[in-house]
Amino acid sequence: MHRKFILLFSLISILAFSCTKQPNACMEISETSVSVGTPITFTSCSSHTLSQAWFFTGPAGSPENTVSSSDLVFTQSFSEPGVYEVRLYAYREFSFTGELSISIQEIVIF
């Protein structure tokens, strides 16, 4: 009986510690409406992630449409007015692999 208890306890412990939590993408943006050229700080507040990638989509031809970053915190200014979509892809594993969570917000540049 004692051996069965130890075996059962061991299996439960292994299962409990082997469960991984789902990634949760989260971003904080210092300003969501600024004039052209004003720096904005982007911060990942994601949890259960080991890598992240930031992307911007704005007005056609905007140079910021080709900008990306994998930093937890970075600053970016924008050279074209318009509405930009900011996407943060948060991955559970290193090197942009594993389960994925996405956070999307908009910023306005005037």
PDB file of N, CA and C in Angstrom:
ATOM      1  N   MET A   1       0.821  -1.193   0.000  1.00  0.00           N
ATOM      2  CA  MET A   1       0.000   0.000   0.000  1.00  0.00           C
ATOM      3  C   MET A   1       0.868   1.262   0.000  1.00  0.00           C
ATOM      4  N   HIS A   2       1.927   1.236   0.795  1.00  0.00           N
ATOM      5  CA  HIS A   2       2.819   2.378   0.896  1.00  0.00           C
ATOM      6  C   HIS A   2       3.483   2.672  -0.453  1.00  0.00           C
ATOM      7  N   ARG A   3       3.868   1.625  -1.183  1.00  0.00           N
ATOM      8  CA  ARG A   3       4.490   1.800  -2.506  1.00  0.00           C
ATOM      9  C   ARG A   3       3.506   2.412  -3.497  1.00  0.00           C
ATOM     10  N   LYS A   4       2.248   1.986  -3.447  1.00  0.00           N
ATOM     11  CA  LYS A   4       1.245   2.543  -4.351  1.00  0.00           C
ATOM     12  C   LYS A   4       1.047   4.034  -4.080  1.00  0.00           C
ATOM     13  N   PHE A   5       1.039   4.396  -2.822  1.00  0.00           N
ATOM     14  CA  PHE A   5       0.890   5.806  -2.458  1.00  0.00           C
ATOM     15  C   PHE A   5       2.063   6.625  -2.994  1.00  0.00           C
ATOM     16  N   ILE A   6       3.258   6.144  -2.830  1.00  0.00           N
ATOM     17  CA  ILE A   6       4.456   6.854  -3.316  1.00  0.00           C
ATOM     18  C   ILE A   6       4.422   6.966  -4.838  1.00  0.00           C
ATOM     19  N   LEU A   7       4.062   5.884  -5.498  1.00  0.00           N
ATOM     20  CA  LEU A   7       3.982   5.910  -6.957  1.00  0.00           C
ATOM     21  C   LEU A   7       2.912   6.898  -7.425  1.00  0.00           C
ATOM     22  N   LEU A   8       1.747   6.875  -6.807  1.00  0.00           N
ATOM     23  CA  LEU A   8       0.670   7.784  -7.170  1.00  0.00           C
ATOM     24  C   LEU A   8       1.092   9.239  -6.920  1.00  0.00           C
ATOM     25  N   PHE A   9       1.706   9.505  -5.773  1.00  0.00           N
ATOM     26  CA  PHE A   9       2.180  10.844  -5.449  1.00  0.00           C
ATOM     27  C   PHE A   9       3.222  11.305  -6.462  1.00  0.00           C
ATOM     28  N   SER A  10       4.116  10.432  -6.858  1.00  0.00           N
ATOM     29  CA  SER A  10       5.151  10.771  -7.841  1.00  0.00           C
ATOM     30  C   SER A  10       4.532  11.113  -9.187  1.00  0.00           C
ATOM     31  N   LEU A  11       3.572  10.331  -9.630  1.00  0.00           N
ATOM     32  CA  LEU A  11       2.918  10.590 -10.916  1.00  0.00           C
ATOM     33  C   LEU A  11       2.165  11.919 -10.898  1.00  0.00           C
ATOM     34  N   ILE A  12       1.468  12.181  -9.819  1.00  0.00           N
ATOM     35  CA  ILE A  12       0.738  13.444  -9.715  1.00  0.00           C
ATOM     36  C   ILE A  12       1.714  14.619  -9.717  1.00  0.00           C
ATOM     37  N   SER A  13       2.818  14.490  -9.031  1.00  0.00           N
ATOM     38  CA  SER A  13       3.828  15.556  -8.995  1.00  0.00           C
ATOM     39  C   SER A  13       4.409  15.811 -10.374  1.00  0.00           C
ATOM     40  N   ILE A  14       4.706  14.758 -11.095  1.00  0.00           N
ATOM     41  CA  ILE A  14       5.263  14.901 -12.447  1.00  0.00           C
ATOM     42  C   ILE A  14       4.258  15.598 -13.355  1.00  0.00           C
ATOM     43  N   LEU A  15       3.010  15.191 -13.296  1.00  0.00           N
ATOM     44  CA  LEU A  15       1.983  15.821 -14.129  1.00  0.00           C
ATOM     45  C   LEU A  15       1.787  17.285 -13.759  1.00  0.00           C
ATOM     46  N   ALA A  16       1.785  17.584 -12.491  1.00  0.00           N
ATOM     47  CA  ALA A  16       1.574  18.965 -12.048  1.00  0.00           C
ATOM     48  C   ALA A  16       2.701  19.875 -12.504  1.00  0.00           C
ATOM     49  N   PHE A  17       3.932  19.416 -12.419  1.00  0.00           N
ATOM     50  CA  PHE A  17       5.061  20.254 -12.793  1.00  0.00           C
ATOM     51  C   PHE A  17       5.337  20.244 -14.288  1.00  0.00           C
ATOM     52  N   SER A  18       4.810  19.293 -15.019  1.00  0.00           N
ATOM     53  CA  SER A  18       5.054  19.245 -16.456  1.00  0.00           C
ATOM     54  C   SER A  18       4.025  20.056 -17.239  1.00  0.00           C
ATOM     55  N   CYS A  19       2.953  20.468 -16.591  1.00  0.00           N
ATOM     56  CA  CYS A  19       1.946  21.281 -17.278  1.00  0.00           C
ATOM     57  C   CYS A  19       2.533  22.659 -17.557  1.00  0.00           C
ATOM     58  N   THR A  20       2.404  23.111 -18.780  1.00  0.00           N
ATOM     59  CA  THR A  20       2.909  24.427 -19.131  1.00  0.00           C
ATOM     60  C   THR A  20       1.729  25.364 -19.322  1.00  0.00           C
ATOM     61  N   LYS A  21       1.938  26.586 -18.933  1.00  0.00           N
ATOM     62  CA  LYS A  21       0.888  27.578 -19.061  1.00  0.00           C
ATOM     63  C   LYS A  21       0.909  28.154 -20.466  1.00  0.00           C
ATOM     64  N   GLN A  22      -0.241  28.567 -20.924  1.00  0.00           N
ATOM     65  CA  GLN A  22      -0.383  29.148 -22.249  1.00  0.00           C
ATOM     66  C   GLN A  22       0.266  30.529 -22.282  1.00  0.00           C
ATOM     67  N   PRO A  23       0.908  30.889 -23.396  1.00  0.00           N
ATOM     68  CA  PRO A  23       1.466  32.234 -23.501  1.00  0.00           C
ATOM     69  C   PRO A  23       0.350  33.270 -23.517  1.00  0.00           C
ATOM     70  N   ASN A  24       0.639  34.439 -22.999  1.00  0.00           N
ATOM     71  CA  ASN A  24      -0.336  35.522 -22.969  1.00  0.00           C
ATOM     72  C   ASN A  24       0.351  36.806 -23.426  1.00  0.00           C
ATOM     73  N   ALA A  25       0.063  37.223 -24.660  1.00  0.00           N
ATOM     74  CA  ALA A  25       0.657  38.451 -25.199  1.00  0.00           C
ATOM     75  C   ALA A  25       0.002  39.666 -24.554  1.00  0.00           C
ATOM     76  N   CYS A  26       0.834  40.613 -24.167  1.00  0.00           N
ATOM     77  CA  CYS A  26       0.358  41.836 -23.518  1.00  0.00           C
ATOM     78  C   CYS A  26       1.322  42.950 -23.884  1.00  0.00           C
ATOM     79  N   MET A  27       0.793  44.107 -24.261  1.00  0.00           N
ATOM     80  CA  MET A  27       1.664  45.238 -24.579  1.00  0.00           C
ATOM     81  C   MET A  27       1.206  46.491 -23.847  1.00  0.00           C
ATOM     82  N   GLU A  28       2.194  47.304 -23.505  1.00  0.00           N
ATOM     83  CA  GLU A  28       1.939  48.631 -22.957  1.00  0.00           C
ATOM     84  C   GLU A  28       2.563  49.630 -23.912  1.00  0.00           C
ATOM     85  N   ILE A  29       1.811  50.669 -24.253  1.00  0.00           N
ATOM     86  CA  ILE A  29       2.271  51.690 -25.181  1.00  0.00           C
ATOM     87  C   ILE A  29       2.231  53.020 -24.442  1.00  0.00           C
ATOM     88  N   SER A  30       3.358  53.752 -24.447  1.00  0.00           N
ATOM     89  CA  SER A  30       3.440  54.990 -23.665  1.00  0.00           C
ATOM     90  C   SER A  30       2.450  56.048 -24.140  1.00  0.00           C
ATOM     91  N   GLU A  31       2.198  56.128 -25.428  1.00  0.00           N
ATOM     92  CA  GLU A  31       1.251  57.092 -26.003  1.00  0.00           C
ATOM     93  C   GLU A  31       0.531  56.411 -27.155  1.00  0.00           C
ATOM     94  N   THR A  32      -0.752  56.672 -27.320  1.00  0.00           N
ATOM     95  CA  THR A  32      -1.490  56.064 -28.436  1.00  0.00           C
ATOM     96  C   THR A  32      -1.919  57.102 -29.470  1.00  0.00           C
ATOM     97  N   SER A  33      -1.599  58.363 -29.220  1.00  0.00           N
ATOM     98  CA  SER A  33      -1.910  59.418 -30.171  1.00  0.00           C
ATOM     99  C   SER A  33      -0.844  60.508 -30.024  1.00  0.00           C
ATOM    100  N   VAL A  34       0.021  60.634 -31.042  1.00  0.00           N
ATOM    101  CA  VAL A  34       1.127  61.603 -30.988  1.00  0.00           C
ATOM    102  C   VAL A  34       1.350  62.211 -32.365  1.00  0.00           C
ATOM    103  N   SER A  35       2.131  63.286 -32.388  1.00  0.00           N
ATOM    104  CA  SER A  35       2.472  63.922 -33.658  1.00  0.00           C
ATOM    105  C   SER A  35       3.651  63.190 -34.314  1.00  0.00           C
ATOM    106  N   VAL A  36       3.800  63.394 -35.601  1.00  0.00           N
ATOM    107  CA  VAL A  36       4.892  62.798 -36.368  1.00  0.00           C
ATOM    108  C   VAL A  36       6.222  63.114 -35.694  1.00  0.00           C
ATOM    109  N   GLY A  37       7.080  62.105 -35.578  1.00  0.00           N
ATOM    110  CA  GLY A  37       8.405  62.280 -35.014  1.00  0.00           C
ATOM    111  C   GLY A  37       8.502  62.124 -33.507  1.00  0.00           C
ATOM    112  N   THR A  38       7.380  62.056 -32.814  1.00  0.00           N
ATOM    113  CA  THR A  38       7.396  61.900 -31.359  1.00  0.00           C
ATOM    114  C   THR A  38       7.667  60.436 -31.003  1.00  0.00           C
ATOM    115  N   PRO A  39       8.673  60.167 -30.165  1.00  0.00           N
ATOM    116  CA  PRO A  39       8.973  58.778 -29.813  1.00  0.00           C
ATOM    117  C   PRO A  39       7.882  58.156 -28.932  1.00  0.00           C
ATOM    118  N   ILE A  40       7.609  56.898 -29.184  1.00  0.00           N
ATOM    119  CA  ILE A  40       6.664  56.102 -28.403  1.00  0.00           C
ATOM    120  C   ILE A  40       7.429  54.901 -27.862  1.00  0.00           C
ATOM    121  N   THR A  41       7.225  54.589 -26.592  1.00  0.00           N
ATOM    122  CA  THR A  41       7.869  53.428 -25.989  1.00  0.00           C
ATOM    123  C   THR A  41       6.892  52.261 -25.972  1.00  0.00           C
ATOM    124  N   PHE A  42       7.345  51.133 -26.475  1.00  0.00           N
ATOM    125  CA  PHE A  42       6.565  49.902 -26.518  1.00  0.00           C
ATOM    126  C   PHE A  42       7.171  48.909 -25.530  1.00  0.00           C
ATOM    127  N   THR A  43       6.334  48.328 -24.676  1.00  0.00           N
ATOM    128  CA  THR A  43       6.797  47.397 -23.658  1.00  0.00           C
ATOM    129  C   THR A  43       5.965  46.129 -23.695  1.00  0.00           C
ATOM    130  N   SER A  44       6.634  44.995 -23.709  1.00  0.00           N
ATOM    131  CA  SER A  44       5.932  43.711 -23.619  1.00  0.00           C
ATOM    132  C   SER A  44       5.698  43.389 -22.148  1.00  0.00           C
ATOM    133  N   CYS A  45       4.439  43.187 -21.787  1.00  0.00           N
ATOM    134  CA  CYS A  45       4.085  42.748 -20.437  1.00  0.00           C
ATOM    135  C   CYS A  45       3.553  41.314 -20.515  1.00  0.00           C
ATOM    136  N   SER A  46       3.968  40.608 -21.556  1.00  0.00           N
ATOM    137  CA  SER A  46       3.510  39.241 -21.807  1.00  0.00           C
ATOM    138  C   SER A  46       3.953  38.296 -20.698  1.00  0.00           C
ATOM    139  N   SER A  47       3.194  37.227 -20.529  1.00  0.00           N
ATOM    140  CA  SER A  47       3.551  36.223 -19.523  1.00  0.00           C
ATOM    141  C   SER A  47       3.633  34.844 -20.167  1.00  0.00           C
ATOM    142  N   HIS A  48       4.438  34.010 -19.575  1.00  0.00           N
ATOM    143  CA  HIS A  48       4.648  32.630 -20.025  1.00  0.00           C
ATOM    144  C   HIS A  48       5.185  32.580 -21.455  1.00  0.00           C
ATOM    145  N   THR A  49       6.081  33.520 -21.771  1.00  0.00           N
ATOM    146  CA  THR A  49       6.678  33.590 -23.107  1.00  0.00           C
ATOM    147  C   THR A  49       8.194  33.709 -22.988  1.00  0.00           C
ATOM    148  N   LEU A  50       8.876  33.244 -24.026  1.00  0.00           N
ATOM    149  CA  LEU A  50      10.337  33.340 -24.056  1.00  0.00           C
ATOM    150  C   LEU A  50      10.849  34.144 -25.245  1.00  0.00           C
ATOM    151  N   SER A  51       9.993  34.445 -26.208  1.00  0.00           N
ATOM    152  CA  SER A  51      10.399  35.302 -27.314  1.00  0.00           C
ATOM    153  C   SER A  51       9.179  36.058 -27.824  1.00  0.00           C
ATOM    154  N   GLN A  52       9.439  37.216 -28.443  1.00  0.00           N
ATOM    155  CA  GLN A  52       8.362  38.042 -28.956  1.00  0.00           C
ATOM    156  C   GLN A  52       8.836  38.777 -30.200  1.00  0.00           C
ATOM    157  N   ALA A  53       7.867  39.188 -31.015  1.00  0.00           N
ATOM    158  CA  ALA A  53       8.162  39.945 -32.231  1.00  0.00           C
ATOM    159  C   ALA A  53       7.093  41.020 -32.401  1.00  0.00           C
ATOM    160  N   TRP A  54       7.544  42.241 -32.658  1.00  0.00           N
ATOM    161  CA  TRP A  54       6.666  43.385 -32.861  1.00  0.00           C
ATOM    162  C   TRP A  54       6.621  43.730 -34.350  1.00  0.00           C
ATOM    163  N   PHE A  55       5.436  44.118 -34.849  1.00  0.00           N
ATOM    164  CA  PHE A  55       5.265  44.535 -36.240  1.00  0.00           C
ATOM    165  C   PHE A  55       4.286  45.703 -36.307  1.00  0.00           C
ATOM    166  N   PHE A  56       4.487  46.579 -37.307  1.00  0.00           N
ATOM    167  CA  PHE A  56       3.620  47.730 -37.515  1.00  0.00           C
ATOM    168  C   PHE A  56       3.022  47.673 -38.911  1.00  0.00           C
ATOM    169  N   THR A  57       1.753  48.061 -39.017  1.00  0.00           N
ATOM    170  CA  THR A  57       1.109  48.210 -40.311  1.00  0.00           C
ATOM    171  C   THR A  57       0.416  49.561 -40.308  1.00  0.00           C
ATOM    172  N   GLY A  58       0.826  50.421 -41.239  1.00  0.00           N
ATOM    173  CA  GLY A  58       0.261  51.763 -41.302  1.00  0.00           C
ATOM    174  C   GLY A  58      -0.093  52.135 -42.720  1.00  0.00           C
ATOM    175  N   PRO A  59      -0.117  53.431 -43.002  1.00  0.00           N
ATOM    176  CA  PRO A  59      -0.447  53.898 -44.345  1.00  0.00           C
ATOM    177  C   PRO A  59       0.490  53.287 -45.396  1.00  0.00           C
ATOM    178  N   ALA A  60      -0.053  53.074 -46.580  1.00  0.00           N
ATOM    179  CA  ALA A  60       0.740  52.493 -47.670  1.00  0.00           C
ATOM    180  C   ALA A  60       1.997  53.323 -47.912  1.00  0.00           C
ATOM    181  N   GLY A  61       3.125  52.640 -48.026  1.00  0.00           N
ATOM    182  CA  GLY A  61       4.398  53.294 -48.294  1.00  0.00           C
ATOM    183  C   GLY A  61       5.117  53.821 -47.070  1.00  0.00           C
ATOM    184  N   SER A  62       4.511  53.714 -45.904  1.00  0.00           N
ATOM    185  CA  SER A  62       5.160  54.195 -44.683  1.00  0.00           C
ATOM    186  C   SER A  62       6.389  53.337 -44.384  1.00  0.00           C
ATOM    187  N   PRO A  63       7.551  53.963 -44.125  1.00  0.00           N
ATOM    188  CA  PRO A  63       8.756  53.173 -43.836  1.00  0.00           C
ATOM    189  C   PRO A  63       8.610  52.313 -42.570  1.00  0.00           C
ATOM    190  N   GLU A  64       7.729  52.717 -41.668  1.00  0.00           N
ATOM    191  CA  GLU A  64       7.541  51.941 -40.443  1.00  0.00           C
ATOM    192  C   GLU A  64       6.855  50.602 -40.699  1.00  0.00           C
ATOM    193  N   ASN A  65       6.261  50.417 -41.860  1.00  0.00           N
ATOM    194  CA  ASN A  65       5.650  49.130 -42.207  1.00  0.00           C
ATOM    195  C   ASN A  65       6.690  48.021 -42.315  1.00  0.00           C
ATOM    196  N   THR A  66       7.957  48.389 -42.461  1.00  0.00           N
ATOM    197  CA  THR A  66       9.025  47.391 -42.563  1.00  0.00           C
ATOM    198  C   THR A  66       9.797  47.239 -41.257  1.00  0.00           C
ATOM    199  N   VAL A  67       9.398  47.976 -40.222  1.00  0.00           N
ATOM    200  CA  VAL A  67      10.080  47.920 -38.926  1.00  0.00           C
ATOM    201  C   VAL A  67       9.562  46.744 -38.120  1.00  0.00           C
ATOM    202  N   SER A  68      10.471  46.054 -37.468  1.00  0.00           N
ATOM    203  CA  SER A  68      10.087  45.007 -36.515  1.00  0.00           C
ATOM    204  C   SER A  68      11.122  45.009 -35.392  1.00  0.00           C
ATOM    205  N   SER A  69      10.761  44.388 -34.285  1.00  0.00           N
ATOM    206  CA  SER A  69      11.674  44.310 -33.158  1.00  0.00           C
ATOM    207  C   SER A  69      11.376  43.039 -32.378  1.00  0.00           C
ATOM    208  N   SER A  70      12.388  42.527 -31.709  1.00  0.00           N
ATOM    209  CA  SER A  70      12.192  41.386 -30.813  1.00  0.00           C
ATOM    210  C   SER A  70      12.560  41.749 -29.378  1.00  0.00           C
ATOM    211  N   ASP A  71      12.723  43.048 -29.119  1.00  0.00           N
ATOM    212  CA  ASP A  71      13.074  43.519 -27.781  1.00  0.00           C
ATOM    213  C   ASP A  71      11.848  43.543 -26.870  1.00  0.00           C
ATOM    214  N   LEU A  72      12.082  43.421 -25.571  1.00  0.00           N
ATOM    215  CA  LEU A  72      10.995  43.542 -24.597  1.00  0.00           C
ATOM    216  C   LEU A  72      10.511  44.983 -24.503  1.00  0.00           C
ATOM    217  N   VAL A  73      11.455  45.928 -24.607  1.00  0.00           N
ATOM    218  CA  VAL A  73      11.141  47.346 -24.545  1.00  0.00           C
ATOM    219  C   VAL A  73      11.926  48.043 -25.641  1.00  0.00           C
ATOM    220  N   PHE A  74      11.258  48.897 -26.413  1.00  0.00           N
ATOM    221  CA  PHE A  74      11.968  49.691 -27.415  1.00  0.00           C
ATOM    222  C   PHE A  74      11.174  50.959 -27.704  1.00  0.00           C
ATOM    223  N   THR A  75      11.841  51.909 -28.334  1.00  0.00           N
ATOM    224  CA  THR A  75      11.224  53.186 -28.672  1.00  0.00           C
ATOM    225  C   THR A  75      11.225  53.345 -30.184  1.00  0.00           C
ATOM    226  N   GLN A  76      10.109  53.857 -30.704  1.00  0.00           N
ATOM    227  CA  GLN A  76       9.960  54.043 -32.145  1.00  0.00           C
ATOM    228  C   GLN A  76       9.234  55.360 -32.389  1.00  0.00           C
ATOM    229  N   SER A  77       9.689  56.114 -33.382  1.00  0.00           N
ATOM    230  CA  SER A  77       8.933  57.290 -33.822  1.00  0.00           C
ATOM    231  C   SER A  77       8.444  57.007 -35.240  1.00  0.00           C
ATOM    232  N   PHE A  78       7.446  57.758 -35.669  1.00  0.00           N
ATOM    233  CA  PHE A  78       6.803  57.502 -36.955  1.00  0.00           C
ATOM    234  C   PHE A  78       6.910  58.738 -37.830  1.00  0.00           C
ATOM    235  N   SER A  79       7.202  58.522 -39.113  1.00  0.00           N
ATOM    236  CA  SER A  79       7.459  59.627 -40.033  1.00  0.00           C
ATOM    237  C   SER A  79       6.256  59.993 -40.890  1.00  0.00           C
ATOM    238  N   GLU A  80       5.222  59.169 -40.874  1.00  0.00           N
ATOM    239  CA  GLU A  80       4.022  59.416 -41.687  1.00  0.00           C
ATOM    240  C   GLU A  80       2.797  59.459 -40.784  1.00  0.00           C
ATOM    241  N   PRO A  81       1.919  60.439 -40.979  1.00  0.00           N
ATOM    242  CA  PRO A  81       0.685  60.464 -40.194  1.00  0.00           C
ATOM    243  C   PRO A  81      -0.256  59.335 -40.639  1.00  0.00           C
ATOM    244  N   GLY A  82      -1.116  58.944 -39.731  1.00  0.00           N
ATOM    245  CA  GLY A  82      -2.104  57.913 -40.035  1.00  0.00           C
ATOM    246  C   GLY A  82      -2.342  57.000 -38.846  1.00  0.00           C
ATOM    247  N   VAL A  83      -3.164  55.985 -39.079  1.00  0.00           N
ATOM    248  CA  VAL A  83      -3.470  54.993 -38.050  1.00  0.00           C
ATOM    249  C   VAL A  83      -2.575  53.781 -38.294  1.00  0.00           C
ATOM    250  N   TYR A  84      -1.899  53.340 -37.257  1.00  0.00           N
ATOM    251  CA  TYR A  84      -1.001  52.190 -37.333  1.00  0.00           C
ATOM    252  C   TYR A  84      -1.532  51.073 -36.447  1.00  0.00           C
ATOM    253  N   GLU A  85      -1.470  49.876 -36.956  1.00  0.00           N
ATOM    254  CA  GLU A  85      -1.800  48.698 -36.155  1.00  0.00           C
ATOM    255  C   GLU A  85      -0.488  48.140 -35.613  1.00  0.00           C
ATOM    256  N   VAL A  86      -0.447  47.938 -34.308  1.00  0.00           N
ATOM    257  CA  VAL A  86       0.733  47.376 -33.649  1.00  0.00           C
ATOM    258  C   VAL A  86       0.391  45.952 -33.252  1.00  0.00           C
ATOM    259  N   ARG A  87       1.215  45.008 -33.680  1.00  0.00           N
ATOM    260  CA  ARG A  87       1.007  43.596 -33.335  1.00  0.00           C
ATOM    261  C   ARG A  87       2.196  43.085 -32.544  1.00  0.00           C
ATOM    262  N   LEU A  88       1.884  42.398 -31.467  1.00  0.00           N
ATOM    263  CA  LEU A  88       2.903  41.726 -30.675  1.00  0.00           C
ATOM    264  C   LEU A  88       2.608  40.237 -30.716  1.00  0.00           C
ATOM    265  N   TYR A  89       3.549  39.487 -31.258  1.00  0.00           N
ATOM    266  CA  TYR A  89       3.453  38.032 -31.287  1.00  0.00           C
ATOM    267  C   TYR A  89       4.322  37.507 -30.150  1.00  0.00           C
ATOM    268  N   ALA A  90       3.714  36.806 -29.208  1.00  0.00           N
ATOM    269  CA  ALA A  90       4.446  36.271 -28.056  1.00  0.00           C
ATOM    270  C   ALA A  90       4.458  34.747 -28.143  1.00  0.00           C
ATOM    271  N   TYR A  91       5.667  34.180 -28.126  1.00  0.00           N
ATOM    272  CA  TYR A  91       5.848  32.741 -28.286  1.00  0.00           C
ATOM    273  C   TYR A  91       6.289  32.114 -26.966  1.00  0.00           C
ATOM    274  N   ARG A  92       5.828  30.926 -26.730  1.00  0.00           N
ATOM    275  CA  ARG A  92       6.183  30.226 -25.495  1.00  0.00           C
ATOM    276  C   ARG A  92       7.645  29.825 -25.477  1.00  0.00           C
ATOM    277  N   GLU A  93       8.236  29.521 -26.620  1.00  0.00           N
ATOM    278  CA  GLU A  93       9.611  29.029 -26.700  1.00  0.00           C
ATOM    279  C   GLU A  93      10.542  30.097 -27.289  1.00  0.00           C
ATOM    280  N   PHE A  94      11.845  29.854 -27.155  1.00  0.00           N
ATOM    281  CA  PHE A  94      12.841  30.706 -27.788  1.00  0.00           C
ATOM    282  C   PHE A  94      12.781  30.549 -29.303  1.00  0.00           C
ATOM    283  N   SER A  95      13.361  31.481 -30.013  1.00  0.00           N
ATOM    284  CA  SER A  95      13.480  31.439 -31.473  1.00  0.00           C
ATOM    285  C   SER A  95      12.133  31.427 -32.173  1.00  0.00           C
ATOM    286  N   PHE A  96      11.140  32.084 -31.565  1.00  0.00           N
ATOM    287  CA  PHE A  96       9.828  32.278 -32.186  1.00  0.00           C
ATOM    288  C   PHE A  96       9.143  30.962 -32.532  1.00  0.00           C
ATOM    289  N   THR A  97       9.165  30.027 -31.589  1.00  0.00           N
ATOM    290  CA  THR A  97       8.519  28.737 -31.790  1.00  0.00           C
ATOM    291  C   THR A  97       7.594  28.442 -30.617  1.00  0.00           C
ATOM    292  N   GLY A  98       6.853  27.390 -30.747  1.00  0.00           N
ATOM    293  CA  GLY A  98       5.934  26.985 -29.689  1.00  0.00           C
ATOM    294  C   GLY A  98       4.600  27.696 -29.825  1.00  0.00           C
ATOM    295  N   GLU A  99       3.792  27.552 -28.806  1.00  0.00           N
ATOM    296  CA  GLU A  99       2.467  28.160 -28.827  1.00  0.00           C
ATOM    297  C   GLU A  99       2.587  29.675 -28.929  1.00  0.00           C
ATOM    298  N   LEU A 100       1.579  30.290 -29.535  1.00  0.00           N
ATOM    299  CA  LEU A 100       1.612  31.705 -29.875  1.00  0.00           C
ATOM    300  C   LEU A 100       0.391  32.419 -29.310  1.00  0.00           C
ATOM    301  N   SER A 101       0.605  33.651 -28.859  1.00  0.00           N
ATOM    302  CA  SER A 101      -0.472  34.547 -28.459  1.00  0.00           C
ATOM    303  C   SER A 101      -0.208  35.886 -29.137  1.00  0.00           C
ATOM    304  N   ILE A 102      -1.265  36.564 -29.565  1.00  0.00           N
ATOM    305  CA  ILE A 102      -1.113  37.826 -30.291  1.00  0.00           C
ATOM    306  C   ILE A 102      -1.907  38.924 -29.587  1.00  0.00           C
ATOM    307  N   SER A 103      -1.286  40.096 -29.442  1.00  0.00           N
ATOM    308  CA  SER A 103      -1.960  41.282 -28.923  1.00  0.00           C
ATOM    309  C   SER A 103      -1.927  42.344 -30.012  1.00  0.00           C
ATOM    310  N   ILE A 104      -3.045  43.031 -30.227  1.00  0.00           N
ATOM    311  CA  ILE A 104      -3.142  44.039 -31.287  1.00  0.00           C
ATOM    312  C   ILE A 104      -3.722  45.326 -30.704  1.00  0.00           C
ATOM    313  N   GLN A 105      -3.076  46.454 -31.020  1.00  0.00           N
ATOM    314  CA  GLN A 105      -3.588  47.760 -30.632  1.00  0.00           C
ATOM    315  C   GLN A 105      -3.358  48.737 -31.782  1.00  0.00           C
ATOM    316  N   GLU A 106      -4.052  49.846 -31.745  1.00  0.00           N
ATOM    317  CA  GLU A 106      -3.869  50.894 -32.753  1.00  0.00           C
ATOM    318  C   GLU A 106      -3.282  52.137 -32.106  1.00  0.00           C
ATOM    319  N   ILE A 107      -2.471  52.840 -32.881  1.00  0.00           N
ATOM    320  CA  ILE A 107      -1.970  54.139 -32.481  1.00  0.00           C
ATOM    321  C   ILE A 107      -2.276  55.125 -33.607  1.00  0.00           C
ATOM    322  N   VAL A 108      -2.420  56.395 -33.261  1.00  0.00           N
ATOM    323  CA  VAL A 108      -2.719  57.438 -34.248  1.00  0.00           C
ATOM    324  C   VAL A 108      -1.563  58.415 -34.267  1.00  0.00           C
ATOM    325  N   ILE A 109      -1.024  58.635 -35.458  1.00  0.00           N
ATOM    326  CA  ILE A 109       0.040  59.605 -35.664  1.00  0.00           C
ATOM    327  C   ILE A 109      -0.548  60.751 -36.465  1.00  0.00           C
ATOM    328  N   PHE A 110      -0.428  61.979 -35.942  1.00  0.00           N
ATOM    329  CA  PHE A 110      -1.010  63.141 -36.654  1.00  0.00           C
ATOM    330  C   PHE A 110       0.051  64.171 -36.987  1.00  0.00           C
TER     331      PHE A 110
END
